[in-house]
Amino acid sequence: MSETNITILVSTVDCRILQNSRLLETKLHKNLKMLVVNQQINNHEKLVIDLPFITVINSTTRGLSKSRNIAFLNVKKGFGIVADDDVSYVSGFEKTIRQAIAEHPNIHIFTFQIETPEGGAYKEYKPKGFAHSWRSILRVSSISTVIHVESVKSDNIYFDERFGLGAKFPTGEENIFLNDLLKKGYAIRSIPKPMVIHPKESSGSQITADLIFSKGAMFRRLYGYGGVLFLILFVFKKQGLPFSKKGLHAFQCGINGFISYSKS
């Protein structure tokens, strides 16, 4: 039996992947390849990577979800590892993925753990594997996901291009994507093993007005008008009591996003 094809699907902007030598030095082969989508936003120079088993697509499009979808469209078979240009992979990551695929032959989407460069956990993880629910997917980062691209494409499920960096609503795209998969009947399995390395600090961890605006839109997209309850809980968790001055301002930002999505 031939080995399953796995492709690392890297989204980069303005050739930034060239600054990440560790990612480019990932040991690849005919059944573990890399596809890089380079969006030319400020630097219109085309990205060229002359390394075996790496394919580059240069695009004048904008938006992280758009980049992810371009990558999906250019994978013909097998699994795709969703990646950004600032990640690298732990030793033995390919074996970890293949073991999960072999042990769960009916699962088409996996999530793994993220490590920091210092070897610590990127976030708190459960010690045992489990089947994801609508609630647990809210804690998933896109770079921890491995997806059977053929299956997802056959059901016409892609990232919502209104969400993600570079879009109107700059966060929440991975949660929406996974929720769409759950609603379609896909099982999503959490594997309690590290796969990818990423620094602890990231833009997604900073609570800004733009983030709360985007969260408001995300909750509307996920849960309809009932999403306002999730927005209240989010504001309470991140900013304190919703009726405090700080909480009221945050809630208003979220409601603005909620309404803005309804009009989009």
Protein backbone atom coordinates (compact mmCIF):
# COMPACT_ATOMS: atom_id res chain seq x y z
CA MET A 1 0.00 0.00 0.00
CA SER A 2 1.38 3.41 -0.97
CA GLU A 3 2.10 5.99 1.71
CA THR A 4 -0.46 8.76 2.23
CA ASN A 5 0.49 12.08 0.69
CA ILE A 6 0.94 14.92 3.18
CA THR A 7 1.45 18.54 2.11
CA ILE A 8 2.48 21.42 4.36
CA LEU A 9 0.30 24.35 3.23
CA VAL A 10 2.19 27.54 4.06
CA SER A 11 0.60 30.98 3.82
CA THR A 12 3.11 33.80 3.51
CA VAL A 13 3.08 37.48 2.53
CA ASP A 14 5.77 39.42 0.66
CA CYS A 15 8.23 36.50 0.67
CA ARG A 16 8.48 36.46 4.48
CA ILE A 17 8.98 32.70 4.51
CA LEU A 18 12.56 33.34 3.37
CA GLN A 19 13.27 34.62 6.90
CA ASN A 20 12.37 31.23 8.38
CA SER A 21 15.25 28.92 7.53
CA ARG A 22 14.09 26.27 9.98
CA LEU A 23 10.79 25.84 8.14
CA LEU A 24 12.53 25.71 4.77
CA GLU A 25 14.90 23.07 6.14
CA THR A 26 12.03 20.70 6.99
CA LYS A 27 12.97 17.26 5.69
CA LEU A 28 10.67 16.64 2.74
CA HIS A 29 10.26 13.77 0.31
CA LYS A 30 7.86 12.56 -2.38
CA ASN A 31 5.10 11.86 0.15
CA LEU A 32 5.76 14.89 2.36
CA LYS A 33 5.79 18.06 0.30
CA MET A 34 5.36 21.78 0.88
CA LEU A 35 3.10 24.19 -0.98
CA VAL A 36 3.74 27.89 -0.36
CA VAL A 37 1.16 30.53 -1.26
CA ASN A 38 2.89 33.93 -1.39
CA GLN A 39 0.56 36.92 -1.44
CA GLN A 40 2.24 39.96 -3.00
CA ILE A 41 0.84 42.80 -0.90
CA ASN A 42 3.62 45.41 -0.55
CA ASN A 43 6.46 43.54 -2.23
CA HIS A 44 5.50 42.68 -5.80
CA GLU A 45 8.59 40.55 -6.35
CA LYS A 46 7.68 36.93 -6.98
CA LEU A 47 8.81 34.35 -4.47
CA VAL A 48 11.20 31.73 -5.82
CA ILE A 49 12.26 28.72 -3.74
CA ASP A 50 14.52 26.35 -5.61
CA LEU A 51 14.33 23.39 -3.25
CA PRO A 52 13.09 19.86 -3.90
CA PHE A 53 9.48 19.00 -3.04
CA ILE A 54 8.49 22.67 -2.57
CA THR A 55 5.96 24.32 -4.88
CA VAL A 56 5.33 28.08 -4.84
CA ILE A 57 2.20 29.90 -5.94
CA ASN A 58 2.46 33.69 -6.20
CA SER A 59 -0.83 35.54 -5.86
CA THR A 60 -1.97 39.17 -5.89
CA THR A 61 -4.92 38.30 -3.65
CA ARG A 62 -5.28 39.53 -0.08
CA GLY A 63 -6.38 37.75 3.08
CA LEU A 64 -5.27 34.69 5.04
CA SER A 65 -8.43 32.69 4.32
CA LYS A 66 -8.04 33.39 0.62
CA SER A 67 -4.49 32.05 0.84
CA ARG A 68 -5.65 28.91 2.65
CA ASN A 69 -8.28 28.29 -0.01
CA ILE A 70 -5.79 28.73 -2.85
CA ALA A 71 -3.65 26.08 -1.18
CA PHE A 72 -6.63 23.72 -0.86
CA LEU A 73 -7.46 24.14 -4.53
CA ASN A 74 -3.93 23.13 -5.49
CA VAL A 75 -3.77 19.92 -3.44
CA LYS A 76 -5.04 16.95 -5.41
CA LYS A 77 -4.96 14.24 -2.77
CA GLY A 78 -4.00 13.36 0.77
CA PHE A 79 -3.78 15.45 3.92
CA GLY A 80 -2.81 19.09 4.28
CA ILE A 81 -1.05 20.62 7.29
CA VAL A 82 -2.27 24.20 7.73
CA ALA A 83 0.78 26.41 8.29
CA ASP A 84 1.95 30.01 8.62
CA ASP A 85 5.38 31.33 7.66
CA ASP A 86 6.57 31.66 11.27
CA VAL A 87 6.20 28.02 12.33
CA SER A 88 8.52 25.04 12.39
CA TYR A 89 7.94 21.40 13.27
CA VAL A 90 8.95 19.17 16.14
CA SER A 91 11.22 16.20 15.59
CA GLY A 92 9.18 13.23 14.43
CA PHE A 93 6.10 15.26 13.51
CA GLU A 94 5.52 13.29 10.33
CA LYS A 95 5.51 10.00 12.25
CA THR A 96 3.05 11.48 14.74
CA ILE A 97 0.66 12.49 11.96
CA ARG A 98 0.90 9.19 10.12
CA GLN A 99 0.32 7.26 13.33
CA ALA A 100 -2.86 9.28 13.99
CA ILE A 101 -4.09 8.63 10.46
CA ALA A 102 -3.42 4.89 10.81
CA GLU A 103 -5.11 4.65 14.21
CA HIS A 104 -8.17 6.65 13.12
CA PRO A 105 -8.81 5.66 9.48
CA ASN A 106 -12.31 7.17 9.45
CA ILE A 107 -11.22 10.59 10.74
CA HIS A 108 -10.54 13.31 8.18
CA ILE A 109 -9.54 16.22 10.44
CA PHE A 110 -7.03 16.12 13.28
CA THR A 111 -5.75 18.73 15.70
CA PHE A 112 -2.39 18.42 17.44
CA GLN A 113 -0.57 20.39 20.12
CA ILE A 114 1.61 23.46 19.64
CA GLU A 115 4.95 23.86 21.43
CA THR A 116 6.86 27.05 22.10
CA PRO A 117 10.49 27.31 20.93
CA GLU A 118 11.50 26.71 24.57
CA GLY A 119 9.68 23.37 24.57
CA GLY A 120 6.70 24.41 26.68
CA ALA A 121 3.02 24.10 25.84
CA TYR A 122 1.62 26.96 23.74
CA LYS A 123 -1.66 26.69 25.66
CA GLU A 124 -3.28 24.33 28.14
CA TYR A 125 -4.13 20.98 26.56
CA LYS A 126 -6.07 17.95 27.74
CA PRO A 127 -3.77 14.98 28.46
CA LYS A 128 -5.89 12.52 26.47
CA GLY A 129 -7.27 12.55 22.94
CA PHE A 130 -10.93 13.35 22.37
CA ALA A 131 -13.54 14.09 19.73
CA HIS A 132 -13.95 17.83 19.25
CA SER A 133 -17.29 19.51 19.93
CA TRP A 134 -18.71 22.87 18.92
CA ARG A 135 -17.28 24.22 22.16
CA SER A 136 -13.75 22.77 22.02
CA ILE A 137 -13.10 24.01 18.47
CA LEU A 138 -13.18 27.57 19.79
CA ARG A 139 -9.74 26.92 21.33
CA VAL A 140 -8.15 25.46 18.20
CA SER A 141 -5.41 27.32 16.31
CA SER A 142 -5.32 26.74 12.57
CA ILE A 143 -1.62 25.80 12.58
CA SER A 144 -2.43 22.75 14.71
CA THR A 145 -4.82 21.25 12.15
CA VAL A 146 -4.29 18.47 9.62
CA ILE A 147 -7.07 18.06 7.07
CA HIS A 148 -7.95 15.48 4.42
CA VAL A 149 -8.24 18.07 1.68
CA GLU A 150 -9.90 15.81 -0.90
CA SER A 151 -12.85 15.10 1.38
CA VAL A 152 -13.33 18.70 2.44
CA LYS A 153 -13.21 19.94 -1.14
CA SER A 154 -15.71 17.30 -2.26
CA ASP A 155 -18.18 18.82 0.21
CA ASN A 156 -17.30 22.35 -0.94
CA ILE A 157 -16.13 23.43 2.51
CA TYR A 158 -13.55 26.21 2.50
CA PHE A 159 -12.39 29.00 4.80
CA ASP A 160 -14.87 31.89 4.95
CA GLU A 161 -12.93 34.67 3.21
CA ARG A 162 -14.71 37.39 5.17
CA PHE A 163 -12.69 36.27 8.21
CA GLY A 164 -8.96 36.06 8.98
CA LEU A 165 -6.00 38.43 8.77
CA GLY A 166 -6.36 40.82 5.85
CA ALA A 167 -10.15 40.47 5.73
CA LYS A 168 -12.98 42.60 7.13
CA PHE A 169 -13.10 40.45 10.28
CA PRO A 170 -9.45 39.65 11.12
CA THR A 171 -9.90 36.55 13.29
CA GLY A 172 -12.06 33.48 13.82
CA GLU A 173 -11.61 31.83 10.44
CA GLU A 174 -10.36 28.51 11.82
CA ASN A 175 -13.22 28.22 14.32
CA ILE A 176 -15.79 28.89 11.60
CA PHE A 177 -14.15 26.41 9.25
CA LEU A 178 -14.13 23.65 11.87
CA ASN A 179 -17.70 24.42 12.90
CA ASP A 180 -18.80 24.12 9.26
CA LEU A 181 -17.13 20.71 9.16
CA LEU A 182 -18.89 19.57 12.34
CA LYS A 183 -22.24 20.68 10.94
CA LYS A 184 -21.52 18.69 7.79
CA GLY A 185 -21.03 15.57 9.91
CA TYR A 186 -17.24 15.37 10.03
CA ALA A 187 -15.57 14.03 13.15
CA ILE A 188 -12.59 16.08 14.34
CA ARG A 189 -10.07 14.31 16.56
CA SER A 190 -7.69 15.90 19.05
CA ILE A 191 -4.35 14.08 19.29
CA PRO A 192 -2.46 14.76 22.56
CA LYS A 193 0.96 15.05 20.94
CA PRO A 194 2.95 18.10 19.81
CA MET A 195 3.35 18.72 16.09
CA VAL A 196 4.24 22.34 15.46
CA ILE A 197 6.39 25.04 17.08
CA HIS A 198 5.25 28.65 17.43
CA PRO A 199 6.26 31.50 19.78
CA LYS A 200 4.00 32.03 22.78
CA GLU A 201 3.26 35.65 21.99
CA SER A 202 1.13 36.30 18.92
CA SER A 203 -1.13 39.01 17.53
CA GLY A 204 -4.14 36.79 18.24
CA SER A 205 -3.46 36.91 22.00
CA GLN A 206 -3.83 40.70 22.26
CA ILE A 207 -7.30 41.94 23.19
CA THR A 208 -7.94 44.88 20.87
CA ALA A 209 -11.04 46.63 19.59
CA ASP A 210 -10.52 44.99 16.19
CA LEU A 211 -10.32 41.55 17.79
CA ILE A 212 -13.55 42.06 19.76
CA PHE A 213 -15.26 43.48 16.65
CA SER A 214 -14.23 40.36 14.76
CA LYS A 215 -15.33 38.07 17.60
CA GLY A 216 -18.77 39.67 17.50
CA ALA A 217 -19.04 38.86 13.80
CA MET A 218 -17.70 35.35 14.40
CA PHE A 219 -20.31 34.58 17.05
CA ARG A 220 -23.03 35.84 14.70
CA ARG A 221 -21.68 33.60 11.91
CA LEU A 222 -21.45 30.57 14.20
CA TYR A 223 -24.62 30.80 16.27
CA GLY A 224 -26.97 33.27 14.60
CA TYR A 225 -28.65 35.81 16.85
CA GLY A 226 -28.01 33.55 19.83
CA GLY A 227 -24.35 34.43 19.36
CA VAL A 228 -24.87 37.57 21.43
CA LEU A 229 -24.83 35.36 24.55
CA PHE A 230 -21.40 34.04 23.59
CA LEU A 231 -20.25 37.61 23.01
CA ILE A 232 -21.30 38.56 26.54
CA LEU A 233 -19.40 35.58 27.96
CA PHE A 234 -16.32 36.46 25.89
CA VAL A 235 -16.34 40.07 27.09
CA PHE A 236 -16.80 38.95 30.71
CA LYS A 237 -13.85 36.53 30.44
CA LYS A 238 -11.49 38.94 28.70
CA GLN A 239 -12.49 42.39 29.94
CA GLY A 240 -14.36 41.89 33.20
CA LEU A 241 -17.97 42.68 34.01
CA PRO A 242 -19.92 43.69 30.87
CA PHE A 243 -21.51 46.63 32.72
CA SER A 244 -18.17 48.11 33.81
CA LYS A 245 -16.84 50.99 31.70
CA LYS A 246 -14.20 48.77 30.12
CA GLY A 247 -16.68 45.94 29.63
CA LEU A 248 -19.32 48.19 28.06
CA HIS A 249 -16.81 49.55 25.55
CA ALA A 250 -15.71 46.03 24.63
CA PHE A 251 -19.30 44.84 24.34
CA GLN A 252 -20.14 47.75 22.03
CA CYS A 253 -17.18 46.82 19.79
CA GLY A 254 -18.47 43.26 19.66
CA ILE A 255 -22.04 44.35 18.89
CA ASN A 256 -20.71 46.53 16.07
CA GLY A 257 -19.07 43.44 14.58
CA PHE A 258 -22.24 41.41 15.17
CA ILE A 259 -24.31 43.97 13.26
CA SER A 260 -21.67 44.46 10.57
CA TYR A 261 -21.69 40.73 9.79
CA SER A 262 -25.49 40.76 9.57
CA LYS A 263 -25.20 43.38 6.82
CA SER A 264 -22.40 41.62 4.93
